[in-house]
Amino acid sequence: MNHVKHTLIAAAFGTALVLSPWAAMAQPGAQSQPPAGMQQGAATNVDDATLEKFVVAYADIQELQQEFATELEQVSSQEEAAALQQETQQKMVSAVEESGLSVPEYNNVVQALDQDPALREKVESKLQ
């Protein structure tokens, strides 16, 4: 039982990285088109409407991550942890889409935030 707990804790740390809010919607290998309000080659040019949608999605994802962490403490096997992770990731995709963004659009904003400290500060201020 102790071995299972240690394995679950290790899995939780790995999962936390996968579910980090800036990378939560990353889809490896997916080619994404810039959303409206973003120009090719100008990743930091995010319009206010897109930014507002992103903030909504980001806040929902934060809440889902907290729920995931709490629920992960209750699982007793790696299979349960994997199922919970998959369910949480599906909920995150839904949260992004319900905000009015596609997953590629969300990812583009994440990339813009990584490249533009001023944009990141703007998002952080909206989240407070």
N, C-alpha and C. Protein backbone atom coordinates (compact mmCIF):
# COMPACT_ATOMS: atom_id res chain seq x y z
N MET A 1 0.83 -1.20 0.00
CA MET A 1 0.00 0.00 0.00
C MET A 1 0.87 1.25 0.00
N ASN A 2 1.95 1.22 0.77
CA ASN A 2 2.85 2.37 0.80
C ASN A 2 3.45 2.63 -0.58
N HIS A 3 3.77 1.54 -1.30
CA HIS A 3 4.33 1.68 -2.64
C HIS A 3 3.33 2.36 -3.58
N VAL A 4 2.05 1.98 -3.46
CA VAL A 4 1.01 2.59 -4.29
C VAL A 4 0.91 4.07 -3.99
N LYS A 5 0.94 4.45 -2.71
CA LYS A 5 0.86 5.87 -2.34
C LYS A 5 2.03 6.65 -2.93
N HIS A 6 3.25 6.10 -2.83
CA HIS A 6 4.42 6.79 -3.38
C HIS A 6 4.30 6.93 -4.89
N THR A 7 3.81 5.90 -5.54
CA THR A 7 3.63 5.95 -6.98
C THR A 7 2.58 6.98 -7.35
N LEU A 8 1.49 7.04 -6.58
CA LEU A 8 0.45 8.03 -6.85
C LEU A 8 0.97 9.44 -6.65
N ILE A 9 1.78 9.63 -5.64
CA ILE A 9 2.35 10.96 -5.40
C ILE A 9 3.23 11.34 -6.57
N ALA A 10 4.06 10.41 -7.04
CA ALA A 10 4.91 10.69 -8.20
C ALA A 10 4.05 11.00 -9.42
N ALA A 11 2.98 10.23 -9.60
CA ALA A 11 2.07 10.47 -10.72
C ALA A 11 1.40 11.83 -10.59
N ALA A 12 1.07 12.22 -9.37
CA ALA A 12 0.42 13.51 -9.15
C ALA A 12 1.35 14.64 -9.56
N PHE A 13 2.64 14.53 -9.23
CA PHE A 13 3.57 15.58 -9.63
C PHE A 13 3.69 15.63 -11.14
N GLY A 14 3.76 14.48 -11.79
CA GLY A 14 3.81 14.45 -13.24
C GLY A 14 2.55 15.02 -13.85
N THR A 15 1.42 14.69 -13.26
CA THR A 15 0.14 15.19 -13.74
C THR A 15 0.04 16.69 -13.53
N ALA A 16 0.56 17.18 -12.43
CA ALA A 16 0.50 18.62 -12.18
C ALA A 16 1.22 19.37 -13.29
N LEU A 17 2.31 18.83 -13.79
CA LEU A 17 3.02 19.48 -14.88
C LEU A 17 2.20 19.44 -16.16
N VAL A 18 1.57 18.31 -16.42
CA VAL A 18 0.73 18.18 -17.61
C VAL A 18 -0.44 19.14 -17.54
N LEU A 19 -0.97 19.34 -16.36
CA LEU A 19 -2.16 20.17 -16.20
C LEU A 19 -1.84 21.61 -15.84
N SER A 20 -0.57 22.00 -15.93
CA SER A 20 -0.27 23.39 -15.60
C SER A 20 -1.11 24.30 -16.49
N PRO A 21 -1.60 25.39 -15.94
CA PRO A 21 -2.55 26.21 -16.69
C PRO A 21 -2.02 26.73 -18.01
N TRP A 22 -0.74 27.04 -18.09
CA TRP A 22 -0.22 27.58 -19.34
C TRP A 22 -0.06 26.48 -20.38
N ALA A 23 0.06 25.24 -19.93
CA ALA A 23 0.25 24.15 -20.89
C ALA A 23 -0.94 23.20 -20.89
N ALA A 24 -1.96 23.52 -20.17
CA ALA A 24 -3.07 22.60 -19.99
C ALA A 24 -3.71 22.15 -21.29
N MET A 25 -3.77 23.04 -22.24
CA MET A 25 -4.47 22.71 -23.47
C MET A 25 -3.52 22.34 -24.61
N ALA A 26 -2.24 22.18 -24.29
CA ALA A 26 -1.28 21.87 -25.35
C ALA A 26 -1.62 20.53 -25.99
N GLN A 27 -1.58 20.52 -27.29
CA GLN A 27 -1.79 19.30 -28.04
C GLN A 27 -0.56 19.08 -28.90
N PRO A 28 0.33 18.18 -28.49
CA PRO A 28 1.57 17.97 -29.23
C PRO A 28 1.28 17.66 -30.69
N GLY A 29 2.03 18.30 -31.55
CA GLY A 29 1.92 18.04 -32.97
C GLY A 29 0.77 18.76 -33.65
N ALA A 30 -0.07 19.43 -32.90
CA ALA A 30 -1.21 20.11 -33.51
C ALA A 30 -0.75 21.40 -34.15
N GLN A 31 -1.14 21.61 -35.37
CA GLN A 31 -0.85 22.87 -36.05
C GLN A 31 -2.03 23.79 -35.79
N SER A 32 -1.77 24.93 -35.24
CA SER A 32 -2.88 25.82 -34.92
C SER A 32 -2.79 27.08 -35.75
N GLN A 33 -3.93 27.61 -36.07
CA GLN A 33 -4.02 28.86 -36.81
C GLN A 33 -4.21 29.99 -35.81
N PRO A 34 -3.64 31.14 -36.06
CA PRO A 34 -3.86 32.25 -35.14
C PRO A 34 -5.33 32.63 -35.11
N PRO A 35 -5.88 32.89 -33.92
CA PRO A 35 -7.28 33.29 -33.83
C PRO A 35 -7.46 34.72 -34.29
N ALA A 36 -8.71 35.10 -34.42
CA ALA A 36 -9.01 36.50 -34.71
C ALA A 36 -8.36 37.35 -33.63
N GLY A 37 -7.75 38.43 -34.03
CA GLY A 37 -7.10 39.28 -33.04
C GLY A 37 -5.63 38.99 -32.88
N MET A 38 -5.15 37.92 -33.53
CA MET A 38 -3.73 37.61 -33.47
C MET A 38 -3.23 37.50 -34.90
N GLN A 39 -2.08 38.09 -35.17
CA GLN A 39 -1.53 38.07 -36.51
C GLN A 39 -0.34 37.12 -36.54
N GLN A 40 -0.15 36.47 -37.69
CA GLN A 40 1.01 35.61 -37.87
C GLN A 40 2.27 36.43 -37.66
N GLY A 41 3.20 35.92 -36.85
CA GLY A 41 4.44 36.64 -36.61
C GLY A 41 4.32 37.70 -35.53
N ALA A 42 3.13 37.93 -35.03
CA ALA A 42 2.93 38.91 -33.97
C ALA A 42 2.14 38.25 -32.85
N ALA A 43 2.76 37.24 -32.25
CA ALA A 43 2.07 36.41 -31.26
C ALA A 43 1.57 37.21 -30.07
N THR A 44 2.16 38.37 -29.81
CA THR A 44 1.74 39.14 -28.64
C THR A 44 0.60 40.10 -28.95
N ASN A 45 0.09 40.08 -30.16
CA ASN A 45 -1.00 40.96 -30.55
C ASN A 45 -2.33 40.25 -30.29
N VAL A 46 -2.78 40.27 -29.04
CA VAL A 46 -4.02 39.61 -28.65
C VAL A 46 -5.06 40.69 -28.38
N ASP A 47 -6.20 40.60 -29.07
CA ASP A 47 -7.22 41.63 -28.85
C ASP A 47 -7.91 41.42 -27.50
N ASP A 48 -8.58 42.46 -27.03
CA ASP A 48 -9.20 42.43 -25.71
C ASP A 48 -10.28 41.36 -25.58
N ALA A 49 -11.06 41.13 -26.63
CA ALA A 49 -12.12 40.13 -26.58
C ALA A 49 -11.52 38.74 -26.39
N THR A 50 -10.45 38.43 -27.12
CA THR A 50 -9.78 37.13 -26.97
C THR A 50 -9.18 37.00 -25.58
N LEU A 51 -8.60 38.08 -25.09
CA LEU A 51 -8.00 38.06 -23.77
C LEU A 51 -9.05 37.82 -22.69
N GLU A 52 -10.21 38.44 -22.82
CA GLU A 52 -11.30 38.23 -21.85
C GLU A 52 -11.74 36.77 -21.85
N LYS A 53 -11.88 36.18 -23.02
CA LYS A 53 -12.26 34.77 -23.12
C LYS A 53 -11.19 33.89 -22.47
N PHE A 54 -9.93 34.23 -22.71
CA PHE A 54 -8.84 33.48 -22.12
C PHE A 54 -8.90 33.51 -20.60
N VAL A 55 -9.15 34.70 -20.05
CA VAL A 55 -9.20 34.86 -18.59
C VAL A 55 -10.31 33.98 -18.01
N VAL A 56 -11.45 33.93 -18.67
CA VAL A 56 -12.56 33.08 -18.21
C VAL A 56 -12.12 31.61 -18.22
N ALA A 57 -11.54 31.19 -19.33
CA ALA A 57 -11.10 29.79 -19.45
C ALA A 57 -10.02 29.48 -18.42
N TYR A 58 -9.08 30.39 -18.25
CA TYR A 58 -7.99 30.17 -17.31
C TYR A 58 -8.52 30.01 -15.88
N ALA A 59 -9.45 30.85 -15.50
CA ALA A 59 -10.03 30.76 -14.15
C ALA A 59 -10.74 29.42 -13.95
N ASP A 60 -11.47 28.98 -14.98
CA ASP A 60 -12.14 27.68 -14.90
C ASP A 60 -11.13 26.54 -14.78
N ILE A 61 -10.04 26.64 -15.52
CA ILE A 61 -9.01 25.61 -15.48
C ILE A 61 -8.35 25.56 -14.11
N GLN A 62 -8.11 26.72 -13.52
CA GLN A 62 -7.55 26.76 -12.17
C GLN A 62 -8.44 26.00 -11.18
N GLU A 63 -9.75 26.24 -11.29
CA GLU A 63 -10.71 25.57 -10.42
C GLU A 63 -10.68 24.05 -10.66
N LEU A 64 -10.62 23.65 -11.90
CA LEU A 64 -10.57 22.22 -12.23
C LEU A 64 -9.29 21.58 -11.69
N GLN A 65 -8.18 22.31 -11.74
CA GLN A 65 -6.93 21.79 -11.19
C GLN A 65 -7.03 21.58 -9.69
N GLN A 66 -7.67 22.50 -9.00
CA GLN A 66 -7.83 22.35 -7.55
C GLN A 66 -8.71 21.14 -7.23
N GLU A 67 -9.78 20.97 -7.99
CA GLU A 67 -10.64 19.81 -7.80
C GLU A 67 -9.86 18.52 -8.07
N PHE A 68 -9.06 18.53 -9.12
CA PHE A 68 -8.26 17.37 -9.48
C PHE A 68 -7.32 17.00 -8.33
N ALA A 69 -6.62 17.98 -7.78
CA ALA A 69 -5.67 17.72 -6.70
C ALA A 69 -6.37 17.12 -5.49
N THR A 70 -7.55 17.64 -5.17
CA THR A 70 -8.32 17.12 -4.03
C THR A 70 -8.78 15.69 -4.29
N GLU A 71 -9.32 15.45 -5.49
CA GLU A 71 -9.82 14.12 -5.82
C GLU A 71 -8.70 13.11 -5.96
N LEU A 72 -7.53 13.56 -6.41
CA LEU A 72 -6.40 12.65 -6.57
C LEU A 72 -5.97 12.05 -5.24
N GLU A 73 -6.13 12.80 -4.17
CA GLU A 73 -5.77 12.30 -2.85
C GLU A 73 -6.65 11.12 -2.43
N GLN A 74 -7.81 10.98 -3.05
CA GLN A 74 -8.77 9.94 -2.67
C GLN A 74 -8.62 8.65 -3.47
N VAL A 75 -7.83 8.67 -4.54
CA VAL A 75 -7.71 7.47 -5.37
C VAL A 75 -6.74 6.48 -4.75
N SER A 76 -6.94 5.20 -5.08
CA SER A 76 -6.11 4.17 -4.48
C SER A 76 -5.30 3.38 -5.51
N SER A 77 -5.40 3.75 -6.78
CA SER A 77 -4.63 3.02 -7.79
C SER A 77 -4.20 3.97 -8.90
N GLN A 78 -3.20 3.52 -9.63
CA GLN A 78 -2.73 4.31 -10.76
C GLN A 78 -3.80 4.39 -11.84
N GLU A 79 -4.59 3.35 -11.98
CA GLU A 79 -5.65 3.35 -12.98
C GLU A 79 -6.69 4.43 -12.66
N GLU A 80 -7.05 4.53 -11.39
CA GLU A 80 -8.00 5.57 -10.98
C GLU A 80 -7.41 6.97 -11.22
N ALA A 81 -6.13 7.11 -10.93
CA ALA A 81 -5.46 8.40 -11.12
C ALA A 81 -5.45 8.77 -12.60
N ALA A 82 -5.16 7.79 -13.46
CA ALA A 82 -5.12 8.05 -14.90
C ALA A 82 -6.51 8.42 -15.42
N ALA A 83 -7.53 7.71 -14.94
CA ALA A 83 -8.90 8.01 -15.36
C ALA A 83 -9.31 9.42 -14.90
N LEU A 84 -8.93 9.77 -13.69
CA LEU A 84 -9.24 11.09 -13.16
C LEU A 84 -8.52 12.17 -13.97
N GLN A 85 -7.28 11.91 -14.33
CA GLN A 85 -6.52 12.87 -15.13
C GLN A 85 -7.19 13.06 -16.49
N GLN A 86 -7.58 11.97 -17.13
CA GLN A 86 -8.22 12.07 -18.44
C GLN A 86 -9.54 12.84 -18.35
N GLU A 87 -10.32 12.55 -17.32
CA GLU A 87 -11.60 13.25 -17.12
C GLU A 87 -11.36 14.75 -16.91
N THR A 88 -10.35 15.08 -16.12
CA THR A 88 -10.04 16.48 -15.85
C THR A 88 -9.59 17.20 -17.12
N GLN A 89 -8.78 16.54 -17.92
CA GLN A 89 -8.33 17.16 -19.16
C GLN A 89 -9.51 17.40 -20.11
N GLN A 90 -10.45 16.47 -20.15
CA GLN A 90 -11.64 16.66 -20.99
C GLN A 90 -12.46 17.86 -20.50
N LYS A 91 -12.57 17.98 -19.18
CA LYS A 91 -13.29 19.12 -18.61
C LYS A 91 -12.58 20.44 -18.95
N MET A 92 -11.25 20.41 -18.97
CA MET A 92 -10.49 21.61 -19.30
C MET A 92 -10.73 22.02 -20.75
N VAL A 93 -10.76 21.05 -21.64
CA VAL A 93 -11.05 21.35 -23.04
C VAL A 93 -12.44 21.96 -23.15
N SER A 94 -13.40 21.39 -22.44
CA SER A 94 -14.77 21.93 -22.46
C SER A 94 -14.80 23.35 -21.91
N ALA A 95 -14.03 23.61 -20.84
CA ALA A 95 -14.00 24.95 -20.26
C ALA A 95 -13.46 25.96 -21.27
N VAL A 96 -12.45 25.58 -22.01
CA VAL A 96 -11.89 26.48 -23.02
C VAL A 96 -12.93 26.75 -24.10
N GLU A 97 -13.55 25.69 -24.58
CA GLU A 97 -14.54 25.85 -25.66
C GLU A 97 -15.76 26.64 -25.19
N GLU A 98 -16.18 26.44 -23.95
CA GLU A 98 -17.33 27.18 -23.43
C GLU A 98 -17.01 28.66 -23.24
N SER A 99 -15.74 28.99 -23.11
CA SER A 99 -15.35 30.40 -22.98
C SER A 99 -15.44 31.13 -24.32
N GLY A 100 -15.57 30.37 -25.40
CA GLY A 100 -15.65 30.97 -26.73
C GLY A 100 -14.35 30.86 -27.52
N LEU A 101 -13.37 30.16 -26.95
CA LEU A 101 -12.11 29.93 -27.64
C LEU A 101 -12.00 28.47 -28.07
N SER A 102 -11.20 28.24 -29.09
CA SER A 102 -10.84 26.87 -29.42
C SER A 102 -9.56 26.54 -28.66
N VAL A 103 -9.22 25.27 -28.58
CA VAL A 103 -7.98 24.89 -27.92
C VAL A 103 -6.77 25.53 -28.60
N PRO A 104 -6.68 25.54 -29.94
CA PRO A 104 -5.54 26.23 -30.57
C PRO A 104 -5.49 27.73 -30.25
N GLU A 105 -6.65 28.37 -30.17
CA GLU A 105 -6.66 29.79 -29.81
C GLU A 105 -6.14 29.98 -28.39
N TYR A 106 -6.58 29.13 -27.47
CA TYR A 106 -6.09 29.19 -26.09
C TYR A 106 -4.57 29.02 -26.07
N ASN A 107 -4.08 28.03 -26.83
CA ASN A 107 -2.64 27.79 -26.89
C ASN A 107 -1.88 28.99 -27.44
N ASN A 108 -2.46 29.65 -28.43
CA ASN A 108 -1.81 30.84 -28.99
C ASN A 108 -1.70 31.95 -27.96
N VAL A 109 -2.71 32.12 -27.14
CA VAL A 109 -2.64 33.13 -26.08
C VAL A 109 -1.57 32.73 -25.07
N VAL A 110 -1.50 31.44 -24.74
CA VAL A 110 -0.47 30.96 -23.82
C VAL A 110 0.91 31.30 -24.37
N GLN A 111 1.12 31.06 -25.65
CA GLN A 111 2.41 31.39 -26.27
C GLN A 111 2.68 32.90 -26.20
N ALA A 112 1.65 33.68 -26.43
CA ALA A 112 1.81 35.14 -26.36
C ALA A 112 2.18 35.56 -24.94
N LEU A 113 1.58 34.93 -23.94
CA LEU A 113 1.89 35.26 -22.55
C LEU A 113 3.34 34.91 -22.22
N ASP A 114 3.82 33.81 -22.79
CA ASP A 114 5.21 33.42 -22.56
C ASP A 114 6.18 34.43 -23.17
N GLN A 115 5.77 35.09 -24.24
CA GLN A 115 6.65 35.99 -24.97
C GLN A 115 6.51 37.45 -24.54
N ASP A 116 5.42 37.81 -23.89
CA ASP A 116 5.14 39.22 -23.63
C ASP A 116 4.82 39.44 -22.15
N PRO A 117 5.80 39.90 -21.38
CA PRO A 117 5.57 40.14 -19.94
C PRO A 117 4.45 41.15 -19.67
N ALA A 118 4.30 42.14 -20.52
CA ALA A 118 3.24 43.13 -20.31
C ALA A 118 1.87 42.50 -20.47
N LEU A 119 1.73 41.63 -21.45
CA LEU A 119 0.46 40.92 -21.64
C LEU A 119 0.19 40.00 -20.46
N ARG A 120 1.23 39.33 -19.96
CA ARG A 120 1.10 38.46 -18.80
C ARG A 120 0.61 39.26 -17.59
N GLU A 121 1.17 40.44 -17.38
CA GLU A 121 0.74 41.30 -16.27
C GLU A 121 -0.72 41.72 -16.45
N LYS A 122 -1.11 41.99 -17.66
CA LYS A 122 -2.49 42.37 -17.94
C LYS A 122 -3.46 41.24 -17.55
N VAL A 123 -3.09 40.00 -17.92
CA VAL A 123 -3.92 38.84 -17.56
C VAL A 123 -3.95 38.66 -16.05
N GLU A 124 -2.81 38.76 -15.41
CA GLU A 124 -2.74 38.60 -13.96
C GLU A 124 -3.61 39.63 -13.26
N SER A 125 -3.63 40.85 -13.75
CA SER A 125 -4.45 41.89 -13.11
C SER A 125 -5.94 41.58 -13.29
N LYS A 126 -6.31 41.02 -14.42
CA LYS A 126 -7.70 40.66 -14.65
C LYS A 126 -8.14 39.48 -13.78
N LEU A 127 -7.20 38.64 -13.39
CA LEU A 127 -7.51 37.48 -12.58
C LEU A 127 -7.66 37.81 -11.10
N GLN A 128 -7.21 38.97 -10.67
CA GLN A 128 -7.25 39.31 -9.24
C GLN A 128 -8.61 39.82 -8.83
